[in-house]
Each structure stands twice: as C-alpha cells, then as structure tokens.
Amino acid sequence: MNGIYFENITADDLRQIVSEEVRKALAEKPAPRQYTREQVADMCHITLATLHNWVRQGRLHPVKVNGRVLFSEQEITNLLNRRR
C-alpha cells in the first residue's frame, strides 16, 4: 500500500499546515497574460508590418517563449496609454 504516513502529528497540526499552504497558493498572483503578434495587431488595429516597425523602434518589447514571439499584457497597456 502506497501512501504518506505522519508520525507525531496531530489533526490540528495537519489542519494548520494545509491551511497555510492553501493561503499561500491563493495569495500568489497569476502569471501575466501574453499575446501573440496577431492578437496585438488586432487589438491595436494595425498591420503586422506596423507592429514589426514598432518593435524595431523600441515602442514594444516582445519576449520569445519556445520560439514564439509574445507581448505581455502590461507592455500592451503601456503602449496604448502612451498613444492616448
């Protein structure tokens, strides 16, 4: 029989350990959302060529994840706020 056995631990101690771990998990912020080039171009109502130019000009800073070019939600928000 496979399992985890605890020695010298009370039910209250276990309850406290589980409660702390759940609290930690809920407190963690989710990873920021990332968008593809196509999604960014659509959100900004621009062509992919314009998006490419903006990256070359330093207006946007993409990250590469497993060979994919992605833009963070914060990066897009900053760009849109600068354009207004």
PDB file of N, CA and C in Angstrom:
ATOM      1  N   MET A   1       0.845  -1.180   0.000  1.00  0.00           N
ATOM      2  CA  MET A   1       0.000   0.000   0.000  1.00  0.00           C
ATOM      3  C   MET A   1       0.888   1.241   0.000  1.00  0.00           C
ATOM      4  N   ASN A   2       0.703   2.087  -1.005  1.00  0.00           N
ATOM      5  CA  ASN A   2       1.466   3.327  -1.078  1.00  0.00           C
ATOM      6  C   ASN A   2       0.701   4.421  -0.359  1.00  0.00           C
ATOM      7  N   GLY A   3       1.423   5.275   0.313  1.00  0.00           N
ATOM      8  CA  GLY A   3       0.776   6.384   0.995  1.00  0.00           C
ATOM      9  C   GLY A   3       1.790   7.160   1.800  1.00  0.00           C
ATOM     10  N   ILE A   4       1.315   8.212   2.380  1.00  0.00           N
ATOM     11  CA  ILE A   4       2.159   9.057   3.211  1.00  0.00           C
ATOM     12  C   ILE A   4       1.716   8.856   4.645  1.00  0.00           C
ATOM     13  N   TYR A   5       2.660   8.601   5.493  1.00  0.00           N
ATOM     14  CA  TYR A   5       2.356   8.393   6.900  1.00  0.00           C
ATOM     15  C   TYR A   5       3.034   9.471   7.722  1.00  0.00           C
ATOM     16  N   PHE A   6       2.299  10.045   8.624  1.00  0.00           N
ATOM     17  CA  PHE A   6       2.825  11.070   9.511  1.00  0.00           C
ATOM     18  C   PHE A   6       2.939  10.481  10.910  1.00  0.00           C
ATOM     19  N   GLU A   7       4.059  10.709  11.519  1.00  0.00           N
ATOM     20  CA  GLU A   7       4.223  10.284  12.898  1.00  0.00           C
ATOM     21  C   GLU A   7       4.285  11.519  13.781  1.00  0.00           C
ATOM     22  N   ASN A   8       3.681  11.438  14.923  1.00  0.00           N
ATOM     23  CA  ASN A   8       3.715  12.507  15.917  1.00  0.00           C
ATOM     24  C   ASN A   8       3.143  13.820  15.395  1.00  0.00           C
ATOM     25  N   ILE A   9       2.070  13.751  14.662  1.00  0.00           N
ATOM     26  CA  ILE A   9       1.421  14.968  14.194  1.00  0.00           C
ATOM     27  C   ILE A   9      -0.063  14.867  14.553  1.00  0.00           C
ATOM     28  N   THR A  10      -0.570  15.927  15.081  1.00  0.00           N
ATOM     29  CA  THR A  10      -1.981  15.920  15.474  1.00  0.00           C
ATOM     30  C   THR A  10      -2.837  16.398  14.307  1.00  0.00           C
ATOM     31  N   ALA A  11      -4.112  16.184  14.417  1.00  0.00           N
ATOM     32  CA  ALA A  11      -5.042  16.641  13.388  1.00  0.00           C
ATOM     33  C   ALA A  11      -5.024  18.158  13.293  1.00  0.00           C
ATOM     34  N   ASP A  12      -4.903  18.835  14.413  1.00  0.00           N
ATOM     35  CA  ASP A  12      -4.830  20.301  14.402  1.00  0.00           C
ATOM     36  C   ASP A  12      -3.572  20.799  13.701  1.00  0.00           C
ATOM     37  N   ASP A  13      -2.443  20.115  13.932  1.00  0.00           N
ATOM     38  CA  ASP A  13      -1.199  20.495  13.249  1.00  0.00           C
ATOM     39  C   ASP A  13      -1.342  20.319  11.741  1.00  0.00           C
ATOM     40  N   LEU A  14      -1.912  19.203  11.327  1.00  0.00           N
ATOM     41  CA  LEU A  14      -2.108  18.947   9.903  1.00  0.00           C
ATOM     42  C   LEU A  14      -3.058  19.974   9.297  1.00  0.00           C
ATOM     43  N   ARG A  15      -4.126  20.298  10.012  1.00  0.00           N
ATOM     44  CA  ARG A  15      -5.088  21.290   9.547  1.00  0.00           C
ATOM     45  C   ARG A  15      -4.394  22.644   9.346  1.00  0.00           C
ATOM     46  N   GLN A  16      -3.525  23.010  10.288  1.00  0.00           N
ATOM     47  CA  GLN A  16      -2.810  24.283  10.194  1.00  0.00           C
ATOM     48  C   GLN A  16      -1.848  24.285   9.000  1.00  0.00           C
ATOM     49  N   ILE A  17      -1.153  23.181   8.793  1.00  0.00           N
ATOM     50  CA  ILE A  17      -0.217  23.085   7.661  1.00  0.00           C
ATOM     51  C   ILE A  17      -0.966  23.228   6.339  1.00  0.00           C
ATOM     52  N   VAL A  18      -2.069  22.520   6.206  1.00  0.00           N
ATOM     53  CA  VAL A  18      -2.858  22.583   4.974  1.00  0.00           C
ATOM     54  C   VAL A  18      -3.421  23.984   4.783  1.00  0.00           C
ATOM     55  N   SER A  19      -3.912  24.579   5.860  1.00  0.00           N
ATOM     56  CA  SER A  19      -4.470  25.926   5.785  1.00  0.00           C
ATOM     57  C   SER A  19      -3.425  26.936   5.316  1.00  0.00           C
ATOM     58  N   GLU A  20      -2.210  26.849   5.837  1.00  0.00           N
ATOM     59  CA  GLU A  20      -1.139  27.771   5.433  1.00  0.00           C
ATOM     60  C   GLU A  20      -0.783  27.589   3.964  1.00  0.00           C
ATOM     61  N   GLU A  21      -0.716  26.351   3.499  1.00  0.00           N
ATOM     62  CA  GLU A  21      -0.371  26.092   2.101  1.00  0.00           C
ATOM     63  C   GLU A  21      -1.464  26.599   1.159  1.00  0.00           C
ATOM     64  N   VAL A  22      -2.710  26.431   1.536  1.00  0.00           N
ATOM     65  CA  VAL A  22      -3.814  26.934   0.712  1.00  0.00           C
ATOM     66  C   VAL A  22      -3.773  28.453   0.671  1.00  0.00           C
ATOM     67  N   ARG A  23      -3.512  29.088   1.807  1.00  0.00           N
ATOM     68  CA  ARG A  23      -3.422  30.551   1.865  1.00  0.00           C
ATOM     69  C   ARG A  23      -2.291  31.055   0.967  1.00  0.00           C
ATOM     70  N   LYS A  24      -1.153  30.379   0.982  1.00  0.00           N
ATOM     71  CA  LYS A  24      -0.029  30.768   0.120  1.00  0.00           C
ATOM     72  C   LYS A  24      -0.403  30.644  -1.359  1.00  0.00           C
ATOM     73  N   ALA A  25      -1.056  29.544  -1.702  1.00  0.00           N
ATOM     74  CA  ALA A  25      -1.434  29.314  -3.101  1.00  0.00           C
ATOM     75  C   ALA A  25      -2.424  30.368  -3.582  1.00  0.00           C
ATOM     76  N   LEU A  26      -3.347  30.763  -2.732  1.00  0.00           N
ATOM     77  CA  LEU A  26      -4.334  31.771  -3.130  1.00  0.00           C
ATOM     78  C   LEU A  26      -3.729  33.163  -3.213  1.00  0.00           C
ATOM     79  N   ALA A  27      -2.668  33.410  -2.457  1.00  0.00           N
ATOM     80  CA  ALA A  27      -2.037  34.731  -2.448  1.00  0.00           C
ATOM     81  C   ALA A  27      -1.157  34.962  -3.671  1.00  0.00           C
ATOM     82  N   GLU A  28      -0.712  33.884  -4.313  1.00  0.00           N
ATOM     83  CA  GLU A  28       0.156  34.034  -5.478  1.00  0.00           C
ATOM     84  C   GLU A  28      -0.617  34.657  -6.622  1.00  0.00           C
ATOM     85  N   LYS A  29       0.008  35.589  -7.280  1.00  0.00           N
ATOM     86  CA  LYS A  29      -0.622  36.234  -8.430  1.00  0.00           C
ATOM     87  C   LYS A  29      -0.464  35.345  -9.655  1.00  0.00           C
ATOM     88  N   PRO A  30      -1.469  35.317 -10.501  1.00  0.00           N
ATOM     89  CA  PRO A  30      -1.325  34.533 -11.735  1.00  0.00           C
ATOM     90  C   PRO A  30      -0.303  35.187 -12.660  1.00  0.00           C
ATOM     91  N   ALA A  31       0.253  34.400 -13.516  1.00  0.00           N
ATOM     92  CA  ALA A  31       1.220  34.920 -14.479  1.00  0.00           C
ATOM     93  C   ALA A  31       0.529  35.928 -15.386  1.00  0.00           C
ATOM     94  N   PRO A  32       1.240  36.989 -15.761  1.00  0.00           N
ATOM     95  CA  PRO A  32       0.613  37.971 -16.647  1.00  0.00           C
ATOM     96  C   PRO A  32       0.265  37.344 -17.996  1.00  0.00           C
ATOM     97  N   ARG A  33      -0.811  37.800 -18.546  1.00  0.00           N
ATOM     98  CA  ARG A  33      -1.264  37.278 -19.829  1.00  0.00           C
ATOM     99  C   ARG A  33      -0.319  37.742 -20.933  1.00  0.00           C
ATOM    100  N   GLN A  34      -0.099  36.881 -21.904  1.00  0.00           N
ATOM    101  CA  GLN A  34       0.752  37.215 -23.039  1.00  0.00           C
ATOM    102  C   GLN A  34      -0.028  37.015 -24.332  1.00  0.00           C
ATOM    103  N   TYR A  35       0.278  37.877 -25.304  1.00  0.00           N
ATOM    104  CA  TYR A  35      -0.460  37.877 -26.558  1.00  0.00           C
ATOM    105  C   TYR A  35       0.484  37.628 -27.730  1.00  0.00           C
ATOM    106  N   THR A  36      -0.053  37.015 -28.777  1.00  0.00           N
ATOM    107  CA  THR A  36       0.713  36.777 -29.998  1.00  0.00           C
ATOM    108  C   THR A  36       0.759  38.059 -30.827  1.00  0.00           C
ATOM    109  N   ARG A  37       1.580  38.047 -31.862  1.00  0.00           N
ATOM    110  CA  ARG A  37       1.677  39.211 -32.747  1.00  0.00           C
ATOM    111  C   ARG A  37       0.324  39.514 -33.384  1.00  0.00           C
ATOM    112  N   GLU A  38      -0.365  38.472 -33.803  1.00  0.00           N
ATOM    113  CA  GLU A  38      -1.658  38.656 -34.458  1.00  0.00           C
ATOM    114  C   GLU A  38      -2.675  39.278 -33.502  1.00  0.00           C
ATOM    115  N   GLN A  39      -2.679  38.827 -32.261  1.00  0.00           N
ATOM    116  CA  GLN A  39      -3.614  39.369 -31.273  1.00  0.00           C
ATOM    117  C   GLN A  39      -3.322  40.840 -30.991  1.00  0.00           C
ATOM    118  N   VAL A  40      -2.041  41.181 -30.877  1.00  0.00           N
ATOM    119  CA  VAL A  40      -1.659  42.568 -30.604  1.00  0.00           C
ATOM    120  C   VAL A  40      -2.052  43.460 -31.779  1.00  0.00           C
ATOM    121  N   ALA A  41      -1.771  43.012 -32.992  1.00  0.00           N
ATOM    122  CA  ALA A  41      -2.125  43.801 -34.174  1.00  0.00           C
ATOM    123  C   ALA A  41      -3.629  44.028 -34.226  1.00  0.00           C
ATOM    124  N   ASP A  42      -4.397  43.008 -33.896  1.00  0.00           N
ATOM    125  CA  ASP A  42      -5.853  43.139 -33.909  1.00  0.00           C
ATOM    126  C   ASP A  42      -6.318  44.096 -32.813  1.00  0.00           C
ATOM    127  N   MET A  43      -5.751  43.990 -31.618  1.00  0.00           N
ATOM    128  CA  MET A  43      -6.148  44.863 -30.505  1.00  0.00           C
ATOM    129  C   MET A  43      -5.829  46.322 -30.795  1.00  0.00           C
ATOM    130  N   CYS A  44      -4.705  46.561 -31.467  1.00  0.00           N
ATOM    131  CA  CYS A  44      -4.270  47.934 -31.746  1.00  0.00           C
ATOM    132  C   CYS A  44      -4.772  48.438 -33.100  1.00  0.00           C
ATOM    133  N   HIS A  45      -5.467  47.583 -33.856  1.00  0.00           N
ATOM    134  CA  HIS A  45      -5.991  47.939 -35.177  1.00  0.00           C
ATOM    135  C   HIS A  45      -4.871  48.381 -36.116  1.00  0.00           C
ATOM    136  N   ILE A  46      -3.818  47.563 -36.151  1.00  0.00           N
ATOM    137  CA  ILE A  46      -2.673  47.841 -37.017  1.00  0.00           C
ATOM    138  C   ILE A  46      -2.324  46.571 -37.789  1.00  0.00           C
ATOM    139  N   THR A  47      -1.457  46.729 -38.788  1.00  0.00           N
ATOM    140  CA  THR A  47      -0.992  45.570 -39.542  1.00  0.00           C
ATOM    141  C   THR A  47       0.203  44.945 -38.828  1.00  0.00           C
ATOM    142  N   LEU A  48       0.542  43.726 -39.239  1.00  0.00           N
ATOM    143  CA  LEU A  48       1.724  43.076 -38.679  1.00  0.00           C
ATOM    144  C   LEU A  48       2.998  43.840 -39.044  1.00  0.00           C
ATOM    145  N   ALA A  49       2.993  44.480 -40.215  1.00  0.00           N
ATOM    146  CA  ALA A  49       4.156  45.282 -40.621  1.00  0.00           C
ATOM    147  C   ALA A  49       4.344  46.467 -39.671  1.00  0.00           C
ATOM    148  N   THR A  50       3.257  47.115 -39.307  1.00  0.00           N
ATOM    149  CA  THR A  50       3.353  48.235 -38.364  1.00  0.00           C
ATOM    150  C   THR A  50       3.838  47.748 -37.008  1.00  0.00           C
ATOM    151  N   LEU A  51       3.330  46.595 -36.577  1.00  0.00           N
ATOM    152  CA  LEU A  51       3.777  46.020 -35.301  1.00  0.00           C
ATOM    153  C   LEU A  51       5.277  45.745 -35.352  1.00  0.00           C
ATOM    154  N   HIS A  52       5.729  45.192 -36.451  1.00  0.00           N
ATOM    155  CA  HIS A  52       7.163  44.929 -36.627  1.00  0.00           C
ATOM    156  C   HIS A  52       7.971  46.229 -36.520  1.00  0.00           C
ATOM    157  N   ASN A  53       7.468  47.291 -37.145  1.00  0.00           N
ATOM    158  CA  ASN A  53       8.151  48.587 -37.072  1.00  0.00           C
ATOM    159  C   ASN A  53       8.186  49.106 -35.646  1.00  0.00           C
ATOM    160  N   TRP A  54       7.100  48.954 -34.918  1.00  0.00           N
ATOM    161  CA  TRP A  54       7.052  49.424 -33.528  1.00  0.00           C
ATOM    162  C   TRP A  54       8.071  48.681 -32.667  1.00  0.00           C
ATOM    163  N   VAL A  55       8.244  47.399 -32.938  1.00  0.00           N
ATOM    164  CA  VAL A  55       9.242  46.621 -32.188  1.00  0.00           C
ATOM    165  C   VAL A  55      10.639  47.128 -32.540  1.00  0.00           C
ATOM    166  N   ARG A  56      10.899  47.347 -33.835  1.00  0.00           N
ATOM    167  CA  ARG A  56      12.207  47.870 -34.265  1.00  0.00           C
ATOM    168  C   ARG A  56      12.493  49.240 -33.668  1.00  0.00           C
ATOM    169  N   GLN A  57      11.452  50.080 -33.537  1.00  0.00           N
ATOM    170  CA  GLN A  57      11.609  51.427 -32.990  1.00  0.00           C
ATOM    171  C   GLN A  57      11.695  51.431 -31.464  1.00  0.00           C
ATOM    172  N   GLY A  58      11.442  50.283 -30.840  1.00  0.00           N
ATOM    173  CA  GLY A  58      11.520  50.188 -29.388  1.00  0.00           C
ATOM    174  C   GLY A  58      10.239  50.567 -28.667  1.00  0.00           C
ATOM    175  N   ARG A  59       9.152  50.711 -29.391  1.00  0.00           N
ATOM    176  CA  ARG A  59       7.868  51.035 -28.742  1.00  0.00           C
ATOM    177  C   ARG A  59       7.318  49.851 -27.977  1.00  0.00           C
ATOM    178  N   LEU A  60       7.591  48.661 -28.476  1.00  0.00           N
ATOM    179  CA  LEU A  60       7.153  47.420 -27.838  1.00  0.00           C
ATOM    180  C   LEU A  60       8.346  46.497 -27.673  1.00  0.00           C
ATOM    181  N   HIS A  61       8.318  45.715 -26.608  1.00  0.00           N
ATOM    182  CA  HIS A  61       9.422  44.792 -26.321  1.00  0.00           C
ATOM    183  C   HIS A  61       8.856  43.385 -26.162  1.00  0.00           C
ATOM    184  N   PRO A  62       8.981  42.575 -27.211  1.00  0.00           N
ATOM    185  CA  PRO A  62       8.450  41.215 -27.119  1.00  0.00           C
ATOM    186  C   PRO A  62       9.386  40.300 -26.336  1.00  0.00           C
ATOM    187  N   VAL A  63       8.851  39.171 -25.939  1.00  0.00           N
ATOM    188  CA  VAL A  63       9.658  38.109 -25.344  1.00  0.00           C
ATOM    189  C   VAL A  63       9.477  36.872 -26.209  1.00  0.00           C
ATOM    190  N   LYS A  64      10.485  36.026 -26.249  1.00  0.00           N
ATOM    191  CA  LYS A  64      10.381  34.795 -27.009  1.00  0.00           C
ATOM    192  C   LYS A  64      10.206  33.645 -26.022  1.00  0.00           C
ATOM    193  N   VAL A  65       9.157  32.876 -26.257  1.00  0.00           N
ATOM    194  CA  VAL A  65       8.865  31.716 -25.428  1.00  0.00           C
ATOM    195  C   VAL A  65       8.736  30.518 -26.351  1.00  0.00           C
ATOM    196  N   ASN A  66       9.662  29.599 -26.227  1.00  0.00           N
ATOM    197  CA  ASN A  66       9.675  28.409 -27.088  1.00  0.00           C
ATOM    198  C   ASN A  66       9.584  28.767 -28.568  1.00  0.00           C
ATOM    199  N   GLY A  67      10.321  29.785 -28.969  1.00  0.00           N
ATOM    200  CA  GLY A  67      10.362  30.196 -30.367  1.00  0.00           C
ATOM    201  C   GLY A  67       9.207  31.070 -30.811  1.00  0.00           C
ATOM    202  N   ARG A  68       8.262  31.343 -29.906  1.00  0.00           N
ATOM    203  CA  ARG A  68       7.116  32.198 -30.243  1.00  0.00           C
ATOM    204  C   ARG A  68       7.379  33.605 -29.754  1.00  0.00           C
ATOM    205  N   VAL A  69       6.974  34.582 -30.527  1.00  0.00           N
ATOM    206  CA  VAL A  69       7.102  35.988 -30.145  1.00  0.00           C
ATOM    207  C   VAL A  69       5.816  36.388 -29.432  1.00  0.00           C
ATOM    208  N   LEU A  70       5.949  36.795 -28.175  1.00  0.00           N
ATOM    209  CA  LEU A  70       4.794  37.164 -27.370  1.00  0.00           C
ATOM    210  C   LEU A  70       4.994  38.539 -26.747  1.00  0.00           C
ATOM    211  N   PHE A  71       3.888  39.187 -26.457  1.00  0.00           N
ATOM    212  CA  PHE A  71       3.905  40.504 -25.825  1.00  0.00           C
ATOM    213  C   PHE A  71       3.102  40.421 -24.538  1.00  0.00           C
ATOM    214  N   SER A  72       3.644  40.980 -23.453  1.00  0.00           N
ATOM    215  CA  SER A  72       2.946  40.921 -22.174  1.00  0.00           C
ATOM    216  C   SER A  72       1.782  41.905 -22.147  1.00  0.00           C
ATOM    217  N   GLU A  73       0.819  41.598 -21.332  1.00  0.00           N
ATOM    218  CA  GLU A  73      -0.357  42.461 -21.184  1.00  0.00           C
ATOM    219  C   GLU A  73       0.059  43.854 -20.712  1.00  0.00           C
ATOM    220  N   GLN A  74       1.026  43.923 -19.811  1.00  0.00           N
ATOM    221  CA  GLN A  74       1.497  45.210 -19.294  1.00  0.00           C
ATOM    222  C   GLN A  74       2.154  46.032 -20.407  1.00  0.00           C
ATOM    223  N   GLU A  75       2.899  45.386 -21.267  1.00  0.00           N
ATOM    224  CA  GLU A  75       3.560  46.063 -22.390  1.00  0.00           C
ATOM    225  C   GLU A  75       2.515  46.696 -23.316  1.00  0.00           C
ATOM    226  N   ILE A  76       1.460  45.973 -23.598  1.00  0.00           N
ATOM    227  CA  ILE A  76       0.398  46.490 -24.477  1.00  0.00           C
ATOM    228  C   ILE A  76      -0.336  47.642 -23.796  1.00  0.00           C
ATOM    229  N   THR A  77      -0.638  47.473 -22.516  1.00  0.00           N
ATOM    230  CA  THR A  77      -1.320  48.533 -21.768  1.00  0.00           C
ATOM    231  C   THR A  77      -0.492  49.811 -21.772  1.00  0.00           C
ATOM    232  N   ASN A  78       0.805  49.680 -21.539  1.00  0.00           N
ATOM    233  CA  ASN A  78       1.689  50.860 -21.559  1.00  0.00           C
ATOM    234  C   ASN A  78       1.677  51.532 -22.927  1.00  0.00           C
ATOM    235  N   LEU A  79       1.738  50.739 -23.986  1.00  0.00           N
ATOM    236  CA  LEU A  79       1.726  51.295 -25.334  1.00  0.00           C
ATOM    237  C   LEU A  79       0.419  52.045 -25.599  1.00  0.00           C
ATOM    238  N   LEU A  80      -0.691  51.438 -25.255  1.00  0.00           N
ATOM    239  CA  LEU A  80      -1.983  52.074 -25.509  1.00  0.00           C
ATOM    240  C   LEU A  80      -2.145  53.351 -24.690  1.00  0.00           C
ATOM    241  N   ASN A  81      -1.623  53.363 -23.477  1.00  0.00           N
ATOM    242  CA  ASN A  81      -1.708  54.578 -22.647  1.00  0.00           C
ATOM    243  C   ASN A  81      -0.839  55.704 -23.224  1.00  0.00           C
ATOM    244  N   ARG A  82       0.300  55.356 -23.803  1.00  0.00           N
ATOM    245  CA  ARG A  82       1.182  56.356 -24.414  1.00  0.00           C
ATOM    246  C   ARG A  82       0.549  56.945 -25.674  1.00  0.00           C
ATOM    247  N   ARG A  83      -0.235  56.139 -26.381  1.00  0.00           N
ATOM    248  CA  ARG A  83      -0.855  56.593 -27.633  1.00  0.00           C
ATOM    249  C   ARG A  83      -2.007  57.553 -27.400  1.00  0.00           C
ATOM    250  N   ARG A  84      -2.586  57.563 -26.201  1.00  0.00           N
ATOM    251  CA  ARG A  84      -3.752  58.416 -25.934  1.00  0.00           C
ATOM    252  C   ARG A  84      -3.369  59.805 -25.628  1.00  0.00           C
TER     253      ARG A  84
END
